Structures are given as structure tokens and as C-alpha cells.
C-alpha atoms as a PDB file:
ATOM      1  CA  MET A   1       0.000   0.000   0.000  1.00  0.00           C
ATOM      2  CA  ILE A   2       1.464   3.336  -1.092  1.00  0.00           C
ATOM      3  CA  LEU A   3       1.140   6.123   1.427  1.00  0.00           C
ATOM      4  CA  ILE A   4       2.779   8.940  -0.504  1.00  0.00           C
ATOM      5  CA  GLY A   5       5.285   9.489  -3.288  1.00  0.00           C
ATOM      6  CA  LEU A   6       7.895  12.176  -3.889  1.00  0.00           C
ATOM      7  CA  THR A   7       8.658  13.097  -7.484  1.00  0.00           C
ATOM      8  CA  LEU A   8      10.971  15.885  -8.625  1.00  0.00           C
ATOM      9  CA  ASN A   9      10.868  17.763 -11.913  1.00  0.00           C
ATOM     10  CA  ARG A  10      13.529  16.227 -14.176  1.00  0.00           C
ATOM     11  CA  LYS A  11      13.241  18.658 -17.092  1.00  0.00           C
ATOM     12  CA  GLY A  12      12.677  22.155 -15.719  1.00  0.00           C
ATOM     13  CA  TYR A  13      13.307  24.248 -12.630  1.00  0.00           C
ATOM     14  CA  GLU A  14      12.336  22.611  -9.336  1.00  0.00           C
ATOM     15  CA  PRO A  15      11.988  25.207  -6.518  1.00  0.00           C
ATOM     16  CA  PHE A  16      11.767  22.471  -3.884  1.00  0.00           C
ATOM     17  CA  ILE A  17      15.402  21.542  -4.611  1.00  0.00           C
ATOM     18  CA  ASP A  18      16.553  25.088  -3.838  1.00  0.00           C
ATOM     19  CA  TYR A  19      14.350  25.041  -0.723  1.00  0.00           C
ATOM     20  CA  VAL A  20      16.080  21.874   0.505  1.00  0.00           C
ATOM     21  CA  LYS A  21      19.515  23.284  -0.344  1.00  0.00           C
ATOM     22  CA  GLY A  22      18.607  26.496   1.496  1.00  0.00           C
ATOM     23  CA  LEU A  23      17.673  24.626   4.644  1.00  0.00           C
ATOM     24  CA  ALA A  24      20.721  22.380   4.273  1.00  0.00           C
ATOM     25  CA  ILE A  25      23.148  25.307   4.106  1.00  0.00           C
ATOM     26  CA  ILE A  26      21.500  26.818   7.199  1.00  0.00           C
ATOM     27  CA  PHE A  27      22.005  23.425   8.893  1.00  0.00           C
ATOM     28  CA  VAL A  28      25.680  23.524   7.867  1.00  0.00           C
ATOM     29  CA  VAL A  29      26.153  26.927   9.472  1.00  0.00           C
ATOM     30  CA  LEU A  30      24.282  25.786  12.583  1.00  0.00           C
ATOM     31  CA  THR A  31      26.559  22.747  12.826  1.00  0.00           C
ATOM     32  CA  HIS A  32      29.500  25.096  13.222  1.00  0.00           C
ATOM     33  CA  LEU A  33      27.728  27.383  15.703  1.00  0.00           C
ATOM     34  CA  ILE A  34      25.623  25.449  18.185  1.00  0.00           C
ATOM     35  CA  SER A  35      26.797  24.113  21.530  1.00  0.00           C
ATOM     36  CA  THR A  36      26.894  20.466  22.558  1.00  0.00           C
ATOM     37  CA  ASP A  37      23.813  20.970  24.746  1.00  0.00           C
ATOM     38  CA  ILE A  38      21.728  22.444  21.915  1.00  0.00           C
ATOM     39  CA  HIS A  39      22.903  19.643  19.638  1.00  0.00           C
ATOM     40  CA  LYS A  40      21.823  17.070  22.182  1.00  0.00           C
ATOM     41  CA  TYR A  41      18.473  18.466  23.323  1.00  0.00           C
ATOM     42  CA  THR A  42      17.218  19.389  19.840  1.00  0.00           C
ATOM     43  CA  TRP A  43      18.136  15.956  18.454  1.00  0.00           C
ATOM     44  CA  PHE A  44      20.184  17.823  15.868  1.00  0.00           C
ATOM     45  CA  CYS A  45      21.562  14.502  14.678  1.00  0.00           C
ATOM     46  CA  LEU A  46      18.223  13.732  13.007  1.00  0.00           C
ATOM     47  CA  TRP A  47      18.019  16.892  10.898  1.00  0.00           C
ATOM     48  CA  GLY A  48      20.896  19.375  11.121  1.00  0.00           C
ATOM     49  CA  ASP A  49      23.711  16.834  10.889  1.00  0.00           C
ATOM     50  CA  MET A  50      22.126  15.450   7.723  1.00  0.00           C
ATOM     51  CA  ALA A  51      22.845  18.569   5.646  1.00  0.00           C
ATOM     52  CA  VAL A  52      25.653  17.026   3.568  1.00  0.00           C
ATOM     53  CA  PRO A  53      23.616  13.852   2.795  1.00  0.00           C
ATOM     54  CA  LEU A  54      20.800  16.123   1.542  1.00  0.00           C
ATOM     55  CA  PHE A  55      23.235  17.992  -0.705  1.00  0.00           C
ATOM     56  CA  LEU A  56      24.689  14.757  -2.079  1.00  0.00           C
ATOM     57  CA  ILE A  57      21.287  13.202  -2.809  1.00  0.00           C
ATOM     58  CA  ILE A  58      20.505  16.325  -4.838  1.00  0.00           C
ATOM     59  CA  GLN A  59      23.863  16.020  -6.618  1.00  0.00           C
ATOM     60  CA  VAL A  60      23.031  12.412  -7.581  1.00  0.00           C
ATOM     61  CA  PHE A  61      19.578  13.472  -8.792  1.00  0.00           C
ATOM     62  CA  HIS A  62      21.044  16.162 -11.056  1.00  0.00           C
ATOM     63  CA  ALA A  63      23.660  13.741 -12.411  1.00  0.00           C
ATOM     64  CA  TYR A  64      21.255  10.889 -13.209  1.00  0.00           C
ATOM     65  CA  LYS A  65      18.031  12.687 -14.157  1.00  0.00           C
ATOM     66  CA  LYS A  66      19.330  12.721 -17.743  1.00  0.00           C
ATOM     67  CA  ASP A  67      20.180   9.663 -19.824  1.00  0.00           C
ATOM     68  CA  GLN A  68      23.844  10.573 -20.177  1.00  0.00           C
ATOM     69  CA  VAL A  69      26.301  11.688 -17.509  1.00  0.00           C
ATOM     70  CA  ILE A  70      28.818  14.191 -18.857  1.00  0.00           C
ATOM     71  CA  LEU A  71      31.828  15.473 -16.960  1.00  0.00           C
ATOM     72  CA  LYS A  72      31.903  19.240 -17.434  1.00  0.00           C
ATOM     73  CA  TRP A  73      35.467  19.920 -16.337  1.00  0.00           C
ATOM     74  CA  LYS A  74      35.476  23.628 -17.134  1.00  0.00           C
ATOM     75  CA  GLN A  75      32.243  24.178 -15.225  1.00  0.00           C
ATOM     76  CA  ILE A  76      33.468  22.167 -12.221  1.00  0.00           C
ATOM     77  CA  CYS A  77      36.730  24.133 -12.110  1.00  0.00           C
ATOM     78  CA  ARG A  78      35.039  27.502 -12.554  1.00  0.00           C
ATOM     79  CA  ARG A  79      32.119  26.867 -10.218  1.00  0.00           C
ATOM     80  CA  ILE A  80      33.652  24.667  -7.476  1.00  0.00           C
ATOM     81  CA  ILE A  81      37.426  24.280  -7.475  1.00  0.00           C
ATOM     82  CA  VAL A  82      38.680  27.790  -8.312  1.00  0.00           C
ATOM     83  CA  PRO A  83      36.369  29.620  -5.825  1.00  0.00           C
ATOM     84  CA  PHE A  84      37.407  27.152  -3.113  1.00  0.00           C
ATOM     85  CA  ILE A  85      41.108  27.740  -3.773  1.00  0.00           C
ATOM     86  CA  ILE A  86      40.554  31.515  -3.801  1.00  0.00           C
ATOM     87  CA  MET A  87      38.770  31.325  -0.449  1.00  0.00           C
ATOM     88  CA  GLN A  88      41.613  29.227   0.965  1.00  0.00           C
ATOM     89  CA  VAL A  89      44.089  31.905  -0.157  1.00  0.00           C
ATOM     90  CA  ILE A  90      41.943  34.657   1.392  1.00  0.00           C
ATOM     91  CA  ILE A  91      41.690  32.837   4.732  1.00  0.00           C
ATOM     92  CA  CYS A  92      45.411  32.005   4.731  1.00  0.00           C
ATOM     93  CA  LEU A  93      46.429  35.604   3.992  1.00  0.00           C
ATOM     94  CA  SER A  94      43.958  36.918   6.554  1.00  0.00           C
ATOM     95  CA  LEU A  95      45.427  34.665   9.222  1.00  0.00           C
ATOM     96  CA  ILE A  96      48.905  35.904   8.388  1.00  0.00           C
ATOM     97  CA  ILE A  97      47.914  39.591   8.323  1.00  0.00           C
ATOM     98  CA  TRP A  98      45.780  39.533  11.450  1.00  0.00           C
ATOM     99  CA  ASN A  99      48.378  37.576  13.389  1.00  0.00           C
ATOM    100  CA  ARG A 100      50.927  40.238  12.323  1.00  0.00           C
ATOM    101  CA  LYS A 101      53.425  37.499  11.549  1.00  0.00           C
ATOM    102  CA  ILE A 102      53.829  34.556   9.205  1.00  0.00           C
ATOM    103  CA  ASP A 103      51.802  31.674  10.565  1.00  0.00           C
ATOM    104  CA  VAL A 104      53.516  28.567   9.182  1.00  0.00           C
ATOM    105  CA  SER A 105      50.609  26.364  10.204  1.00  0.00           C
ATOM    106  CA  SER A 106      48.376  28.312   7.798  1.00  0.00           C
ATOM    107  CA  PHE A 107      50.474  27.015   4.908  1.00  0.00           C
ATOM    108  CA  GLU A 108      50.670  23.501   6.303  1.00  0.00           C
ATOM    109  CA  VAL A 109      46.890  23.116   6.433  1.00  0.00           C
ATOM    110  CA  PHE A 110      46.152  25.045   3.234  1.00  0.00           C
ATOM    111  CA  GLY A 111      43.175  23.349   1.585  1.00  0.00           C
ATOM    112  CA  ASN A 112      41.655  22.571   4.954  1.00  0.00           C
ATOM    113  CA  LEU A 113      41.109  26.082   6.311  1.00  0.00           C
ATOM    114  CA  GLY A 114      37.674  27.036   7.588  1.00  0.00           C
ATOM    115  CA  PRO A 115      34.744  24.961   8.870  1.00  0.00           C
ATOM    116  CA  GLY A 116      33.480  22.347   6.424  1.00  0.00           C
ATOM    117  CA  ALA A 117      36.540  22.576   4.171  1.00  0.00           C
ATOM    118  CA  TYR A 118      36.299  18.842   3.428  1.00  0.00           C
ATOM    119  CA  TYR A 119      33.052  19.181   1.443  1.00  0.00           C
ATOM    120  CA  PRO A 120      34.484  20.306  -1.948  1.00  0.00           C
ATOM    121  CA  TYR A 121      36.728  17.213  -1.877  1.00  0.00           C
ATOM    122  CA  ILE A 122      33.680  14.994  -1.324  1.00  0.00           C
ATOM    123  CA  TYR A 123      31.732  16.788  -4.057  1.00  0.00           C
ATOM    124  CA  PHE A 124      34.567  16.330  -6.536  1.00  0.00           C
ATOM    125  CA  GLN A 125      34.990  12.628  -5.692  1.00  0.00           C
ATOM    126  CA  PHE A 126      31.231  12.117  -6.049  1.00  0.00           C
ATOM    127  CA  THR A 127      31.309  13.819  -9.445  1.00  0.00           C
ATOM    128  CA  ILE A 128      33.970  11.387 -10.674  1.00  0.00           C
ATOM    129  CA  LEU A 129      32.313   8.383  -9.044  1.00  0.00           C
ATOM    130  CA  LEU A 130      28.883   9.155 -10.512  1.00  0.00           C
ATOM    131  CA  TRP A 131      30.414   9.408 -13.956  1.00  0.00           C
ATOM    132  CA  MET A 132      32.349   6.143 -13.551  1.00  0.00           C
ATOM    133  CA  ILE A 133      29.428   4.017 -12.350  1.00  0.00           C
ATOM    134  CA  ALA A 134      26.783   5.543 -14.654  1.00  0.00           C
ATOM    135  CA  PRO A 135      26.889   2.530 -17.054  1.00  0.00           C
ATOM    136  CA  LEU A 136      26.331   0.166 -14.109  1.00  0.00           C
ATOM    137  CA  VAL A 137      23.395   2.200 -12.822  1.00  0.00           C
ATOM    138  CA  ARG A 138      21.785   2.201 -16.266  1.00  0.00           C
ATOM    139  CA  LYS A 139      22.193  -1.577 -16.658  1.00  0.00           C
ATOM    140  CA  VAL A 140      20.622  -2.509 -13.322  1.00  0.00           C
ATOM    141  CA  LYS A 141      16.914  -2.818 -14.022  1.00  0.00           C
ATOM    142  CA  THR A 142      15.380  -3.209 -10.552  1.00  0.00           C
ATOM    143  CA  SER A 143      15.717  -1.025  -7.467  1.00  0.00           C
ATOM    144  CA  ILE A 144      16.122  -4.163  -5.324  1.00  0.00           C
ATOM    145  CA  SER A 145      19.228  -5.186  -7.273  1.00  0.00           C
ATOM    146  CA  LEU A 146      20.582  -1.660  -6.989  1.00  0.00           C
ATOM    147  CA  LEU A 147      19.867  -1.682  -3.252  1.00  0.00           C
ATOM    148  CA  PHE A 148      21.770  -4.945  -2.833  1.00  0.00           C
ATOM    149  CA  ILE A 149      24.785  -3.613  -4.789  1.00  0.00           C
ATOM    150  CA  PHE A 150      25.061  -0.407  -2.760  1.00  0.00           C
ATOM    151  CA  VAL A 151      24.526  -2.067   0.607  1.00  0.00           C
ATOM    152  CA  ILE A 152      27.345  -4.512  -0.152  1.00  0.00           C
ATOM    153  CA  ALA A 153      29.617  -1.778  -1.520  1.00  0.00           C
ATOM    154  CA  SER A 154      28.938   0.555   1.416  1.00  0.00           C
ATOM    155  CA  GLN A 155      29.523  -2.155   4.009  1.00  0.00           C
ATOM    156  CA  LEU A 156      32.748  -3.262   2.341  1.00  0.00           C
ATOM    157  CA  LEU A 157      33.983   0.325   2.502  1.00  0.00           C
ATOM    158  CA  GLU A 158      33.056   0.445   6.201  1.00  0.00           C
ATOM    159  CA  LEU A 159      34.978  -2.752   6.930  1.00  0.00           C
ATOM    160  CA  SER A 160      37.955  -1.689   4.828  1.00  0.00           C
ATOM    161  CA  SER A 161      38.157   1.602   6.724  1.00  0.00           C
ATOM    162  CA  ILE A 162      38.060  -0.247  10.045  1.00  0.00           C
ATOM    163  CA  TYR A 163      40.628  -2.930   9.295  1.00  0.00           C
ATOM    164  CA  LEU A 164      42.986  -0.647   7.376  1.00  0.00           C
ATOM    165  CA  HIS A 165      42.860   1.720  10.371  1.00  0.00           C
ATOM    166  CA  ILE A 166      42.290   4.785   8.211  1.00  0.00           C
ATOM    167  CA  PRO A 167      42.941   7.875  10.369  1.00  0.00           C
ATOM    168  CA  SER A 168      39.880  10.068  10.909  1.00  0.00           C
ATOM    169  CA  ASP A 169      41.775  13.083   9.509  1.00  0.00           C
ATOM    170  CA  ILE A 170      42.061  11.255   6.193  1.00  0.00           C
ATOM    171  CA  TYR A 171      38.668   9.555   6.369  1.00  0.00           C
ATOM    172  CA  ARG A 172      36.872  12.909   6.531  1.00  0.00           C
ATOM    173  CA  PHE A 173      38.088  13.703   3.000  1.00  0.00           C
ATOM    174  CA  LEU A 174      36.934  10.358   1.519  1.00  0.00           C
ATOM    175  CA  PHE A 175      33.568   9.672  -0.109  1.00  0.00           C
ATOM    176  CA  PHE A 176      33.275   6.251   1.577  1.00  0.00           C
ATOM    177  CA  ARG A 177      30.701   7.164   4.235  1.00  0.00           C
ATOM    178  CA  TYR A 178      28.325   8.709   1.679  1.00  0.00           C
ATOM    179  CA  THR A 179      28.365   6.016  -1.020  1.00  0.00           C
ATOM    180  CA  PHE A 180      24.896   4.635  -0.218  1.00  0.00           C
ATOM    181  CA  LEU A 181      23.337   8.031  -0.968  1.00  0.00           C
ATOM    182  CA  ILE A 182      23.889   7.262  -4.653  1.00  0.00           C
ATOM    183  CA  TYR A 183      21.231   4.560  -4.430  1.00  0.00           C
ATOM    184  CA  LEU A 184      18.692   6.928  -2.853  1.00  0.00           C
ATOM    185  CA  GLY A 185      19.477   9.662  -5.370  1.00  0.00           C
ATOM    186  CA  CYS A 186      19.010   7.141  -8.173  1.00  0.00           C
ATOM    187  CA  LEU A 187      15.503   6.335  -6.952  1.00  0.00           C
ATOM    188  CA  ILE A 188      14.447   9.973  -7.298  1.00  0.00           C
ATOM    189  CA  ALA A 189      16.260  10.407 -10.610  1.00  0.00           C
ATOM    190  CA  LYS A 190      14.750   7.273 -12.162  1.00  0.00           C
ATOM    191  CA  ASP A 191      11.238   7.388 -10.764  1.00  0.00           C
ATOM    192  CA  GLU A 192      10.182   8.542  -7.307  1.00  0.00           C
ATOM    193  CA  LEU A 193      10.620   7.891  -3.619  1.00  0.00           C
ATOM    194  CA  VAL A 194       7.655   5.935  -2.298  1.00  0.00           C
ATOM    195  CA  LEU A 195       6.796   6.033   1.369  1.00  0.00           C
ATOM    196  CA  ASN A 196       4.905   2.822   2.162  1.00  0.00           C
ATOM    197  CA  ARG A 197       4.754   0.523   5.167  1.00  0.00           C
ATOM    198  CA  TRP A 198       8.111  -1.088   4.371  1.00  0.00           C
ATOM    199  CA  THR A 199      10.087   2.064   3.671  1.00  0.00           C
ATOM    200  CA  PHE A 200       8.523   3.700   6.726  1.00  0.00           C
ATOM    201  CA  VAL A 201       9.557   0.798   8.979  1.00  0.00           C
ATOM    202  CA  ILE A 202      13.120   0.717   7.655  1.00  0.00           C
ATOM    203  CA  SER A 203      13.264   4.513   8.096  1.00  0.00           C
ATOM    204  CA  LEU A 204      12.312   4.115  11.755  1.00  0.00           C
ATOM    205  CA  ILE A 205      15.065   1.514  12.121  1.00  0.00           C
ATOM    206  CA  SER A 206      17.427   3.978  10.461  1.00  0.00           C
ATOM    207  CA  LEU A 207      16.326   6.703  12.888  1.00  0.00           C
ATOM    208  CA  PHE A 208      17.004   4.355  15.782  1.00  0.00           C
ATOM    209  CA  PHE A 209      20.552   3.734  14.539  1.00  0.00           C
ATOM    210  CA  ILE A 210      21.218   7.483  14.258  1.00  0.00           C
ATOM    211  CA  LEU A 211      20.110   8.022  17.857  1.00  0.00           C
ATOM    212  CA  MET A 212      22.258   5.100  18.918  1.00  0.00           C
ATOM    213  CA  PHE A 213      25.348   6.285  17.039  1.00  0.00           C
ATOM    214  CA  ASP A 214      24.868   9.775  18.509  1.00  0.00           C
ATOM    215  CA  GLY A 215      24.760   8.375  22.041  1.00  0.00           C
ATOM    216  CA  ILE A 216      21.164   9.381  22.804  1.00  0.00           C
ATOM    217  CA  ILE A 217      20.387   5.664  22.931  1.00  0.00           C
ATOM    218  CA  GLY A 218      23.117   3.423  24.308  1.00  0.00           C
ATOM    219  CA  GLY A 219      24.866   0.658  22.405  1.00  0.00           C
ATOM    220  CA  GLY A 220      26.392   2.411  19.405  1.00  0.00           C
ATOM    221  CA  LYS A 221      29.980   1.670  20.427  1.00  0.00           C
ATOM    222  CA  ASN A 222      29.237  -2.059  20.344  1.00  0.00           C
ATOM    223  CA  LEU A 223      28.887  -1.784  16.553  1.00  0.00           C
ATOM    224  CA  SER A 224      32.448  -0.567  16.003  1.00  0.00           C
ATOM    225  CA  CYS A 225      33.311  -3.923  14.445  1.00  0.00           C
ATOM    226  CA  LEU A 226      30.799  -3.231  11.650  1.00  0.00           C
ATOM    227  CA  PHE A 227      30.828   0.545  11.266  1.00  0.00           C
ATOM    228  CA  TYR A 228      33.730   2.990  11.233  1.00  0.00           C
ATOM    229  CA  MET A 229      33.452   4.829  14.580  1.00  0.00           C
ATOM    230  CA  ASP A 230      36.753   6.747  14.808  1.00  0.00           C
ATOM    231  CA  GLY A 231      34.922   9.793  13.490  1.00  0.00           C
ATOM    232  CA  TRP A 232      31.800  10.758  11.574  1.00  0.00           C
ATOM    233  CA  ARG A 233      29.838   8.255  13.632  1.00  0.00           C
ATOM    234  CA  LEU A 234      26.420   9.267  12.241  1.00  0.00           C
ATOM    235  CA  PHE A 235      27.259   8.718   8.614  1.00  0.00           C
ATOM    236  CA  HIS A 236      26.662   5.098   7.680  1.00  0.00           C
ATOM    237  CA  TRP A 237      24.481   3.535   5.010  1.00  0.00           C
ATOM    238  CA  ILE A 238      21.911   2.329   7.554  1.00  0.00           C
ATOM    239  CA  CYS A 239      21.297   5.950   8.621  1.00  0.00           C
ATOM    240  CA  TYR A 240      20.317   7.342   5.234  1.00  0.00           C
ATOM    241  CA  PHE A 241      16.871   5.760   4.910  1.00  0.00           C
ATOM    242  CA  HIS A 242      15.765   8.293   7.526  1.00  0.00           C
ATOM    243  CA  VAL A 243      17.145  11.134   5.390  1.00  0.00           C
ATOM    244  CA  ALA A 244      15.277  10.028   2.265  1.00  0.00           C
ATOM    245  CA  TYR A 245      11.999   8.716   3.651  1.00  0.00           C
ATOM    246  CA  ILE A 246      11.395  10.837   6.746  1.00  0.00           C
ATOM    247  CA  LEU A 247      13.456  14.031   6.605  1.00  0.00           C
ATOM    248  CA  LEU A 248      13.027  14.682   2.880  1.00  0.00           C
ATOM    249  CA  PHE A 249       9.283  13.980   3.056  1.00  0.00           C
ATOM    250  CA  LEU A 250       8.923  16.320   6.058  1.00  0.00           C
ATOM    251  CA  LEU A 251      10.757  19.028   4.148  1.00  0.00           C
ATOM    252  CA  LYS A 252       8.418  18.516   1.166  1.00  0.00           C
ATOM    253  CA  TRP A 253       5.423  18.806   3.484  1.00  0.00           C
ATOM    254  CA  SER A 254       6.771  22.050   4.969  1.00  0.00           C
ATOM    255  CA  PHE A 255       7.421  23.372   1.446  1.00  0.00           C
ATOM    256  CA  ASP A 256       3.887  22.573   0.301  1.00  0.00           C
ATOM    257  CA  ILE A 257       2.060  24.116   3.265  1.00  0.00           C
ATOM    258  CA  MET A 258       4.100  27.333   3.197  1.00  0.00           C
ATOM    259  CA  ASP A 259       2.760  30.258   1.198  1.00  0.00           C
ATOM    260  CA  LYS A 260       4.860  30.668  -1.953  1.00  0.00           C
ATOM    261  CA  ASN A 261       5.195  34.414  -1.361  1.00  0.00           C
ATOM    262  CA  SER A 262       6.219  34.148   2.285  1.00  0.00           C
ATOM    263  CA  VAL A 263       9.453  35.945   3.179  1.00  0.00           C
ATOM    264  CA  TRP A 264      10.854  32.853   4.888  1.00  0.00           C
ATOM    265  CA  LYS A 265      10.245  30.624   1.861  1.00  0.00           C
ATOM    266  CA  ARG A 266      11.785  33.122  -0.564  1.00  0.00           C
ATOM    267  CA  TYR A 267      14.741  33.552   1.782  1.00  0.00           C
ATOM    268  CA  LEU A 268      15.372  29.790   1.927  1.00  0.00           C
ATOM    269  CA  ILE A 269      15.047  29.377  -1.842  1.00  0.00           C
ATOM    270  CA  ASN A 270      17.570  32.182  -2.340  1.00  0.00           C
ATOM    271  CA  CYS A 271      19.877  30.527   0.194  1.00  0.00           C
ATOM    272  CA  GLY A 272      19.564  27.368  -1.874  1.00  0.00           C
ATOM    273  CA  LYS A 273      20.354  29.133  -5.140  1.00  0.00           C
ATOM    274  CA  TYR A 274      23.526  30.569  -3.645  1.00  0.00           C
ATOM    275  CA  SER A 275      24.309  27.727  -1.232  1.00  0.00           C
ATOM    276  CA  TYR A 276      27.885  27.224  -2.426  1.00  0.00           C
ATOM    277  CA  GLU A 277      28.685  30.926  -2.189  1.00  0.00           C
ATOM    278  CA  ILE A 278      27.218  30.959   1.335  1.00  0.00           C
ATOM    279  CA  PHE A 279      29.245  27.858   2.188  1.00  0.00           C
ATOM    280  CA  LEU A 280      32.488  29.487   1.060  1.00  0.00           C
ATOM    281  CA  PHE A 281      31.716  32.743   2.865  1.00  0.00           C
ATOM    282  CA  GLN A 282      30.894  30.960   6.137  1.00  0.00           C
ATOM    283  CA  MET A 283      34.313  29.303   5.979  1.00  0.00           C
ATOM    284  CA  PHE A 284      35.869  32.771   6.104  1.00  0.00           C
ATOM    285  CA  PHE A 285      33.339  34.475   8.379  1.00  0.00           C
ATOM    286  CA  LEU A 286      33.266  31.821  11.110  1.00  0.00           C
ATOM    287  CA  THR A 287      37.057  31.677  11.171  1.00  0.00           C
ATOM    288  CA  PHE A 288      37.202  35.332  12.211  1.00  0.00           C
ATOM    289  CA  SER A 289      33.700  36.216  13.467  1.00  0.00           C
ATOM    290  CA  PRO A 290      33.776  38.307  16.679  1.00  0.00           C
ATOM    291  CA  ILE A 291      30.029  37.975  17.244  1.00  0.00           C
ATOM    292  CA  ASN A 292      30.214  35.218  19.873  1.00  0.00           C
ATOM    293  CA  ILE A 293      32.855  37.085  21.878  1.00  0.00           C
ATOM    294  CA  LEU A 294      31.023  40.421  21.645  1.00  0.00           C
ATOM    295  CA  CYS A 295      27.665  38.926  22.650  1.00  0.00           C
ATOM    296  CA  SER A 296      29.268  37.178  25.610  1.00  0.00           C
ATOM    297  CA  LYS A 297      31.156  40.335  26.650  1.00  0.00           C
ATOM    298  CA  PHE A 298      28.224  42.767  26.514  1.00  0.00           C
ATOM    299  CA  LEU A 299      25.223  40.507  27.153  1.00  0.00           C
ATOM    300  CA  GLY A 300      26.656  37.795  29.385  1.00  0.00           C
ATOM    301  CA  ASP A 301      26.519  34.024  29.073  1.00  0.00           C
ATOM    302  CA  ASN A 302      23.095  32.403  28.930  1.00  0.00           C
ATOM    303  CA  PHE A 303      20.891  30.463  26.558  1.00  0.00           C
ATOM    304  CA  PHE A 304      19.179  33.522  25.029  1.00  0.00           C
ATOM    305  CA  VAL A 305      22.503  35.226  24.352  1.00  0.00           C
ATOM    306  CA  GLU A 306      23.681  32.056  22.624  1.00  0.00           C
ATOM    307  CA  LEU A 307      20.566  32.048  20.436  1.00  0.00           C
ATOM    308  CA  THR A 308      21.092  35.732  19.638  1.00  0.00           C
ATOM    309  CA  SER A 309      24.677  35.016  18.633  1.00  0.00           C
ATOM    310  CA  ILE A 310      23.588  32.140  16.394  1.00  0.00           C
ATOM    311  CA  PHE A 311      20.900  34.265  14.720  1.00  0.00           C
ATOM    312  CA  LEU A 312      23.325  37.152  14.084  1.00  0.00           C
ATOM    313  CA  ASN A 313      25.982  34.854  12.616  1.00  0.00           C
ATOM    314  CA  ILE A 314      23.469  33.277  10.227  1.00  0.00           C
ATOM    315  CA  ALA A 315      22.165  36.701   9.200  1.00  0.00           C
ATOM    316  CA  PHE A 316      25.656  38.123   8.562  1.00  0.00           C
ATOM    317  CA  ILE A 317      26.607  35.026   6.550  1.00  0.00           C
ATOM    318  CA  THR A 318      23.530  34.613   4.345  1.00  0.00           C
ATOM    319  CA  ILE A 319      21.973  38.058   3.809  1.00  0.00           C
ATOM    320  CA  PRO A 320      25.055  39.781   2.295  1.00  0.00           C
ATOM    321  CA  ILE A 321      25.453  36.968  -0.239  1.00  0.00           C
ATOM    322  CA  ILE A 322      21.769  37.159  -1.227  1.00  0.00           C
ATOM    323  CA  LEU A 323      21.939  40.961  -1.548  1.00  0.00           C
ATOM    324  CA  VAL A 324      25.127  40.921  -3.637  1.00  0.00           C
ATOM    325  CA  LYS A 325      23.746  38.203  -5.930  1.00  0.00           C
ATOM    326  CA  SER A 326      20.404  40.013  -6.287  1.00  0.00           C
ATOM    327  CA  ILE A 327      22.105  43.315  -7.150  1.00  0.00           C
ATOM    328  CA  LYS A 328      24.357  41.544  -9.643  1.00  0.00           C
ATOM    329  CA  LYS A 329      21.358  39.829 -11.226  1.00  0.00           C
ATOM    330  CA  TYR A 330      19.406  43.079 -11.391  1.00  0.00           C
ATOM    331  CA  SER A 331      22.358  44.933 -12.925  1.00  0.00           C
ATOM    332  CA  LYS A 332      22.856  42.238 -15.537  1.00  0.00           C
ATOM    333  CA  THR A 333      19.155  42.312 -16.460  1.00  0.00           C
ATOM    334  CA  TYR A 334      19.152  46.133 -16.594  1.00  0.00           C
ATOM    335  CA  MET A 335      22.270  46.299 -18.764  1.00  0.00           C
ATOM    336  CA  SER A 336      20.824  43.743 -21.201  1.00  0.00           C
ATOM    337  CA  GLY A 337      17.708  45.875 -21.644  1.00  0.00           C
ATOM    338  CA  GLY A 338      15.363  43.791 -19.526  1.00  0.00           C
ATOM    339  CA  TYR A 339      13.776  46.929 -18.040  1.00  0.00           C
END
């Protein structure tokens, strides 16, 4: 019995995708701002920590919604790699200038400066991987066969990481923990996600594992022989059913019930359109942001001050990017004679 299905537009613009990306980039910023207590008591592991899986599912959808997967090297370099390198240079130089001396460590960790710096590496690896396995994905006719292939592949990567003792500092840059998301992205790209009794039950099991890995429910450490637990403990193939069949469906419900002209909805869609620019800017801003210190100094230390600090950081990170992009878009339209 089908309860509900989720289908995305494969040919034209899909505003729901930008809405999801907008929320996901807000989750990314929150990840780098909130305290351990807020993380724990809001069950952030079930929604906020799943920002990168949401982004990668969307990446898979865009790659496989067409019959042919083409590697657009120039576009990848111009859109992803070059801006990332430029931001790394800006952060490195800023560290040197503001420290008033040459900080050797800035050069040693170049390419890993700023919160979330690992993501472009994952995105690039996913781009290559999606292109490489595209023929396999096209040949597999049933979703059950595809499920079996990706469960086996994901678990083998888990076991390899455990028994090869891959350091967490290296593991964070590898695509291994996200491989199973390709299967879920394929389902949306090929047909639709269907929430029925079976997918709902397995999603609840997935939710249970997330809570267990996060320590809210005991027992997660006992699974260290099966799942890589030296870092990134929430990101295993068993956890992603929750992302696709509960979180994504809840986000679609919130998108549908919200008025299309509401300020909040338009804000999130704009955040989604410029999510990578916001991501790069937050790497710089959160490395140097004085907001937390200033709020603590002038307002004291309490829960409401912490929330105020979080809100201000998000506003200073997202709103300038949206304004600059909007002005640039308006100027381009005006110069081309659109008005």
C-alpha cells in the first residue's frame, strides 16, 4: 500500500530543490555554531547533521536525471574548485595579516582552512564516481538489485576503513561514508521515492541507529566492528533511509504548506540558489567572526545570548550573499535591456 510518493521535476526548474539546499546550508552553518547541549536536546543529529547527505542526494539526482552523464570539467573548475582555492588563499592571507606574523601552520593546512573545508573534496569525488558508475546504474533494471549492490559496496567500505585503520583526519576527505546516498538519489532520478509501510519501517530503524550512534540511545559503540566509529559516527548507510523517507518527506510537506510568497520561503530558496557561495563565505566568516565574543562580553553568558549570537551569525553570513547576488542579477538584467 502506497502512502505517498515524492517526485521531482527532471526537465525544468524545481523550486523544492533550492528550498532543501537552502535549509541544508542553514544546517551547515548551525553545525558550526551550536553548543553540545543544543545539539543534544534538539536531536540535531536527526536533521541538522544530515545537511551534507541532503546535498549529495541532490547532486546524484542532477547527475542521473538525464540519460547521459557528462563530466563538465570547465564548469566544475570555474564553479567549485577555483572559488574554493581563492577562499583558501583569502583565509590564509587573513590569518597571516591579522596575526601580524607569518603563521607557518596556515600554509601547512592550506586546503583545509575554515569549517566544512572537506566538502568540496567529497563533491569532486562524487562527481567522478557518478560518472564512472553511470553505465552500471543504467544496466541494473530493478531497485532491489541496486539496493543490494550499494549495501554490499557501502559495508565493504566500512569494513575496509576499520581494518585498514584509516585515520579520521584522512577519512573525513573520503567519499566512503556517503556512497549509499547514490542509491537513494538514483531512486528519485529514475522514478520517485515511495513512502509505504516497508520504507517507513526501515526509516524508523534507520532513525534508531542514528540516535544510537549519537549516544542518545546506548549501544552504538558495540557496533564498532561493523561501522567505522573513529569519526563521523552518524554517517553510515543504515542511517540514510531516515534522510530520504522521513526528513526529505517532512521538508516537502513544509514546502507545500508554506505560502509561496512568504518571506521565509523566498529567503530559503535564495539561500539554496547561492548555497555554495554561502558555504564558502561561512568558511571565512566563522574563522574570524567576533560575534560570539562580543555577545558574551556585553550581554553575558546564557541560553538567550547564545541564540542571539547564532541568529546574528546566520544573518551576517547569508543576507550579504543574497543581496550581492540580487544586485548583480538586477544589474545584468538592466544592462541587457530587460527593463
